[in-house]
Amino acid sequence: MVGIAALFLIILLVHPPSPMLQSGTPAPNIALRTAGGQSENVLPSANHHPVVVEFIEAACVTCQQEAPVLCRMGATYPQVTFVAIDAATESAAALQGFATRYLSPGCATIVLLDPGLQVSRAYDVRVVPTVYVVDSAGKITYGGLSSSGIEGVAPVLQRLTNGG
């Protein structure tokens, strides 16, 4: 019996579980508030259109650098909903400052607070930035980490929206 437990432990250490939700699984619900207090129930509000979900922290340099990329993608794919979710239980003021400083005026990205980290946990966020694309059927289509994560979003959106 000890041998089986040791073998299981070795397998777990050599092949740790993936930190991302798997493609094709239903996306967890996202019902949060903006820094201004407005309620957003993202997936139903997307009205059967794709959704890009990026988990951020205001002090994360990579998140700051990716913010304008989200805005540009939002302009290229206006039928897609873009959300940035705080994965660090930061204050509304910190998130508002992030949005003001790094999201261009007119950017359609919705910045949401996750004060209890329920949504961040549901999406198994372990590092920021973490990005997911949810298709029009509400299923995870793509997941990526760090700066390489955002780079993989555009090809997925192009496929999902038939070219933008």
C-alpha atoms as a PDB file:
ATOM      1  CA  MET A   1       0.000   0.000   0.000  1.00  0.00           C
ATOM      2  CA  VAL A   2       2.867   2.391   0.792  1.00  0.00           C
ATOM      3  CA  GLY A   3       4.332   1.658  -2.646  1.00  0.00           C
ATOM      4  CA  ILE A   4       1.110   2.741  -4.380  1.00  0.00           C
ATOM      5  CA  ALA A   5       0.942   5.942  -2.347  1.00  0.00           C
ATOM      6  CA  ALA A   6       4.575   6.706  -3.171  1.00  0.00           C
ATOM      7  CA  LEU A   7       3.947   6.068  -6.872  1.00  0.00           C
ATOM      8  CA  PHE A   8       0.914   8.373  -6.810  1.00  0.00           C
ATOM      9  CA  LEU A   9       2.978  11.089  -5.104  1.00  0.00           C
ATOM     10  CA  ILE A  10       5.762  10.786  -7.697  1.00  0.00           C
ATOM     11  CA  ILE A  11       3.256  11.022 -10.558  1.00  0.00           C
ATOM     12  CA  LEU A  12       1.660  14.074  -8.960  1.00  0.00           C
ATOM     13  CA  LEU A  13       5.033  15.785  -8.519  1.00  0.00           C
ATOM     14  CA  VAL A  14       6.261  14.972 -12.022  1.00  0.00           C
ATOM     15  CA  HIS A  15       2.939  15.850 -13.685  1.00  0.00           C
ATOM     16  CA  PRO A  16       1.278  18.539 -11.557  1.00  0.00           C
ATOM     17  CA  PRO A  17      -2.325  19.399 -12.378  1.00  0.00           C
ATOM     18  CA  SER A  18      -2.855  22.081 -14.999  1.00  0.00           C
ATOM     19  CA  PRO A  19      -3.479  25.536 -13.525  1.00  0.00           C
ATOM     20  CA  MET A  20      -5.955  26.371 -16.293  1.00  0.00           C
ATOM     21  CA  LEU A  21      -9.574  25.425 -16.867  1.00  0.00           C
ATOM     22  CA  GLN A  22      -9.745  23.003 -19.757  1.00  0.00           C
ATOM     23  CA  SER A  23     -11.017  23.980 -23.176  1.00  0.00           C
ATOM     24  CA  GLY A  24     -14.598  22.868 -23.754  1.00  0.00           C
ATOM     25  CA  THR A  25     -15.659  23.107 -20.104  1.00  0.00           C
ATOM     26  CA  PRO A  26     -18.518  25.430 -19.144  1.00  0.00           C
ATOM     27  CA  ALA A  27     -17.249  28.826 -18.032  1.00  0.00           C
ATOM     28  CA  PRO A  28     -18.017  29.730 -14.413  1.00  0.00           C
ATOM     29  CA  ASN A  29     -20.454  32.609 -13.963  1.00  0.00           C
ATOM     30  CA  ILE A  30     -19.067  36.125 -13.591  1.00  0.00           C
ATOM     31  CA  ALA A  31     -21.397  38.301 -11.511  1.00  0.00           C
ATOM     32  CA  LEU A  32     -19.382  41.153  -9.963  1.00  0.00           C
ATOM     33  CA  ARG A  33     -19.394  44.936  -9.545  1.00  0.00           C
ATOM     34  CA  THR A  34     -17.415  47.640 -11.270  1.00  0.00           C
ATOM     35  CA  ALA A  35     -15.277  50.040  -9.233  1.00  0.00           C
ATOM     36  CA  GLY A  36     -18.213  52.453  -9.553  1.00  0.00           C
ATOM     37  CA  GLY A  37     -20.590  49.941  -7.935  1.00  0.00           C
ATOM     38  CA  GLN A  38     -22.507  48.857 -11.055  1.00  0.00           C
ATOM     39  CA  SER A  39     -23.502  45.160 -11.112  1.00  0.00           C
ATOM     40  CA  GLU A  40     -22.356  43.152 -14.120  1.00  0.00           C
ATOM     41  CA  ASN A  41     -23.482  39.626 -14.936  1.00  0.00           C
ATOM     42  CA  VAL A  42     -21.029  39.159 -17.770  1.00  0.00           C
ATOM     43  CA  LEU A  43     -21.872  35.912 -19.542  1.00  0.00           C
ATOM     44  CA  PRO A  44     -25.644  36.478 -19.915  1.00  0.00           C
ATOM     45  CA  SER A  45     -25.001  40.138 -20.808  1.00  0.00           C
ATOM     46  CA  ALA A  46     -22.715  39.043 -23.667  1.00  0.00           C
ATOM     47  CA  ASN A  47     -25.874  37.825 -25.395  1.00  0.00           C
ATOM     48  CA  HIS A  48     -24.327  34.724 -26.970  1.00  0.00           C
ATOM     49  CA  HIS A  49     -21.147  36.476 -28.090  1.00  0.00           C
ATOM     50  CA  PRO A  50     -17.574  35.586 -27.111  1.00  0.00           C
ATOM     51  CA  VAL A  51     -16.095  37.005 -23.913  1.00  0.00           C
ATOM     52  CA  VAL A  52     -12.428  37.692 -23.120  1.00  0.00           C
ATOM     53  CA  VAL A  53     -11.723  37.499 -19.389  1.00  0.00           C
ATOM     54  CA  GLU A  54      -8.376  38.717 -18.085  1.00  0.00           C
ATOM     55  CA  PHE A  55      -7.486  38.435 -14.405  1.00  0.00           C
ATOM     56  CA  ILE A  56      -5.241  41.296 -13.312  1.00  0.00           C
ATOM     57  CA  GLU A  57      -3.651  43.152 -10.416  1.00  0.00           C
ATOM     58  CA  ALA A  58      -3.251  46.926 -10.547  1.00  0.00           C
ATOM     59  CA  ALA A  59       0.448  46.746  -9.617  1.00  0.00           C
ATOM     60  CA  CYS A  60       1.251  43.992 -12.152  1.00  0.00           C
ATOM     61  CA  VAL A  61       3.543  45.463 -14.823  1.00  0.00           C
ATOM     62  CA  THR A  62       2.539  42.857 -17.420  1.00  0.00           C
ATOM     63  CA  CYS A  63      -1.140  43.606 -16.718  1.00  0.00           C
ATOM     64  CA  GLN A  64      -0.438  47.318 -17.218  1.00  0.00           C
ATOM     65  CA  GLN A  65       1.303  46.600 -20.526  1.00  0.00           C
ATOM     66  CA  GLU A  66      -1.534  44.359 -21.732  1.00  0.00           C
ATOM     67  CA  ALA A  67      -4.319  46.822 -20.921  1.00  0.00           C
ATOM     68  CA  PRO A  68      -3.925  48.800 -24.184  1.00  0.00           C
ATOM     69  CA  VAL A  69      -3.880  45.493 -26.091  1.00  0.00           C
ATOM     70  CA  LEU A  70      -7.303  44.652 -24.631  1.00  0.00           C
ATOM     71  CA  CYS A  71      -8.566  48.057 -25.774  1.00  0.00           C
ATOM     72  CA  ARG A  72      -7.234  47.558 -29.310  1.00  0.00           C
ATOM     73  CA  MET A  73      -8.762  44.083 -29.507  1.00  0.00           C
ATOM     74  CA  GLY A  74     -12.055  45.518 -28.268  1.00  0.00           C
ATOM     75  CA  ALA A  75     -11.992  48.004 -31.137  1.00  0.00           C
ATOM     76  CA  THR A  76     -11.168  45.238 -33.635  1.00  0.00           C
ATOM     77  CA  TYR A  77     -13.813  42.865 -32.255  1.00  0.00           C
ATOM     78  CA  PRO A  78     -16.703  45.083 -31.077  1.00  0.00           C
ATOM     79  CA  GLN A  79     -19.046  42.077 -30.864  1.00  0.00           C
ATOM     80  CA  VAL A  80     -16.808  40.544 -28.150  1.00  0.00           C
ATOM     81  CA  THR A  81     -17.158  41.495 -24.468  1.00  0.00           C
ATOM     82  CA  PHE A  82     -13.841  42.261 -22.728  1.00  0.00           C
ATOM     83  CA  VAL A  83     -13.520  42.175 -18.940  1.00  0.00           C
ATOM     84  CA  ALA A  84     -10.577  42.665 -16.603  1.00  0.00           C
ATOM     85  CA  ILE A  85     -11.132  41.158 -13.155  1.00  0.00           C
ATOM     86  CA  ASP A  86      -9.106  42.122 -10.112  1.00  0.00           C
ATOM     87  CA  ALA A  87      -7.514  38.964  -8.720  1.00  0.00           C
ATOM     88  CA  ALA A  88      -5.905  40.668  -5.718  1.00  0.00           C
ATOM     89  CA  THR A  89      -8.796  42.048  -3.605  1.00  0.00           C
ATOM     90  CA  GLU A  90      -7.639  45.585  -4.324  1.00  0.00           C
ATOM     91  CA  SER A  91      -9.712  48.640  -3.514  1.00  0.00           C
ATOM     92  CA  ALA A  92     -12.124  50.207  -5.944  1.00  0.00           C
ATOM     93  CA  ALA A  93      -9.839  53.273  -5.998  1.00  0.00           C
ATOM     94  CA  ALA A  94      -6.810  51.166  -7.015  1.00  0.00           C
ATOM     95  CA  LEU A  95      -8.784  49.566  -9.835  1.00  0.00           C
ATOM     96  CA  GLN A  96     -10.175  52.900 -10.940  1.00  0.00           C
ATOM     97  CA  GLY A  97      -6.604  54.248 -11.016  1.00  0.00           C
ATOM     98  CA  PHE A  98      -5.510  51.267 -13.118  1.00  0.00           C
ATOM     99  CA  ALA A  99      -8.347  51.860 -15.586  1.00  0.00           C
ATOM    100  CA  THR A 100      -7.670  55.593 -15.808  1.00  0.00           C
ATOM    101  CA  ARG A 101      -3.952  55.178 -16.312  1.00  0.00           C
ATOM    102  CA  TYR A 102      -3.764  52.111 -18.589  1.00  0.00           C
ATOM    103  CA  LEU A 103      -7.075  51.835 -20.468  1.00  0.00           C
ATOM    104  CA  SER A 104      -7.518  54.412 -23.197  1.00  0.00           C
ATOM    105  CA  PRO A 105     -10.564  56.710 -23.214  1.00  0.00           C
ATOM    106  CA  GLY A 106     -13.429  54.945 -24.937  1.00  0.00           C
ATOM    107  CA  CYS A 107     -11.987  51.495 -24.200  1.00  0.00           C
ATOM    108  CA  ALA A 108     -14.833  48.997 -23.874  1.00  0.00           C
ATOM    109  CA  THR A 109     -13.034  46.759 -21.352  1.00  0.00           C
ATOM    110  CA  ILE A 110     -15.138  46.419 -18.194  1.00  0.00           C
ATOM    111  CA  VAL A 111     -13.025  46.419 -15.010  1.00  0.00           C
ATOM    112  CA  LEU A 112     -14.548  44.359 -12.189  1.00  0.00           C
ATOM    113  CA  LEU A 113     -13.813  43.890  -8.494  1.00  0.00           C
ATOM    114  CA  ASP A 114     -13.653  40.360  -7.078  1.00  0.00           C
ATOM    115  CA  PRO A 115     -13.514  41.189  -3.340  1.00  0.00           C
ATOM    116  CA  GLY A 116     -13.887  37.624  -2.062  1.00  0.00           C
ATOM    117  CA  LEU A 117     -11.970  36.139  -5.014  1.00  0.00           C
ATOM    118  CA  GLN A 118     -14.886  33.773  -5.722  1.00  0.00           C
ATOM    119  CA  VAL A 119     -14.646  34.270  -9.485  1.00  0.00           C
ATOM    120  CA  SER A 120     -10.836  34.131  -9.456  1.00  0.00           C
ATOM    121  CA  ARG A 121     -11.013  30.820  -7.582  1.00  0.00           C
ATOM    122  CA  ALA A 122     -13.705  29.472  -9.920  1.00  0.00           C
ATOM    123  CA  TYR A 123     -11.372  30.183 -12.862  1.00  0.00           C
ATOM    124  CA  ASP A 124      -8.436  28.633 -10.959  1.00  0.00           C
ATOM    125  CA  VAL A 125      -6.342  31.806 -11.194  1.00  0.00           C
ATOM    126  CA  ARG A 126      -2.913  31.260  -9.673  1.00  0.00           C
ATOM    127  CA  VAL A 127      -0.895  33.930 -11.488  1.00  0.00           C
ATOM    128  CA  VAL A 128      -1.665  37.224 -13.174  1.00  0.00           C
ATOM    129  CA  PRO A 129      -2.303  37.920 -15.857  1.00  0.00           C
ATOM    130  CA  THR A 130      -4.434  34.898 -16.663  1.00  0.00           C
ATOM    131  CA  VAL A 131      -6.685  35.181 -19.692  1.00  0.00           C
ATOM    132  CA  TYR A 132      -9.571  33.071 -20.943  1.00  0.00           C
ATOM    133  CA  VAL A 133     -11.780  33.237 -24.017  1.00  0.00           C
ATOM    134  CA  VAL A 134     -15.351  32.028 -23.545  1.00  0.00           C
ATOM    135  CA  ASP A 135     -17.218  31.175 -26.743  1.00  0.00           C
ATOM    136  CA  SER A 136     -20.791  32.138 -27.590  1.00  0.00           C
ATOM    137  CA  ALA A 137     -22.040  28.866 -26.057  1.00  0.00           C
ATOM    138  CA  GLY A 138     -20.458  29.742 -22.702  1.00  0.00           C
ATOM    139  CA  LYS A 139     -17.574  27.273 -22.917  1.00  0.00           C
ATOM    140  CA  ILE A 140     -13.885  27.903 -22.324  1.00  0.00           C
ATOM    141  CA  THR A 141     -12.190  28.044 -25.719  1.00  0.00           C
ATOM    142  CA  TYR A 142      -8.743  29.302 -24.746  1.00  0.00           C
ATOM    143  CA  GLY A 143      -6.659  29.909 -21.653  1.00  0.00           C
ATOM    144  CA  GLY A 144      -3.245  31.505 -21.344  1.00  0.00           C
ATOM    145  CA  LEU A 145      -0.838  32.878 -18.773  1.00  0.00           C
ATOM    146  CA  SER A 146       1.369  35.960 -18.632  1.00  0.00           C
ATOM    147  CA  SER A 147       2.200  37.989 -21.744  1.00  0.00           C
ATOM    148  CA  SER A 148       2.063  34.935 -23.998  1.00  0.00           C
ATOM    149  CA  GLY A 149      -1.552  34.431 -22.902  1.00  0.00           C
ATOM    150  CA  ILE A 150      -2.840  37.635 -24.458  1.00  0.00           C
ATOM    151  CA  GLU A 151      -0.922  36.896 -27.677  1.00  0.00           C
ATOM    152  CA  GLY A 152      -3.043  33.786 -28.207  1.00  0.00           C
ATOM    153  CA  VAL A 153      -6.371  35.603 -27.923  1.00  0.00           C
ATOM    154  CA  ALA A 154      -6.540  37.311 -31.356  1.00  0.00           C
ATOM    155  CA  PRO A 155      -6.320  34.093 -33.434  1.00  0.00           C
ATOM    156  CA  VAL A 156      -9.068  32.539 -31.296  1.00  0.00           C
ATOM    157  CA  LEU A 157     -11.287  35.601 -31.688  1.00  0.00           C
ATOM    158  CA  GLN A 158     -10.670  35.651 -35.415  1.00  0.00           C
ATOM    159  CA  ARG A 159     -11.844  32.035 -35.632  1.00  0.00           C
ATOM    160  CA  LEU A 160     -14.843  32.598 -33.335  1.00  0.00           C
ATOM    161  CA  THR A 161     -16.012  35.749 -35.125  1.00  0.00           C
ATOM    162  CA  ASN A 162     -15.202  34.619 -38.676  1.00  0.00           C
ATOM    163  CA  GLY A 163     -12.525  37.216 -39.182  1.00  0.00           C
ATOM    164  CA  GLY A 164     -13.657  40.094 -36.959  1.00  0.00           C
END
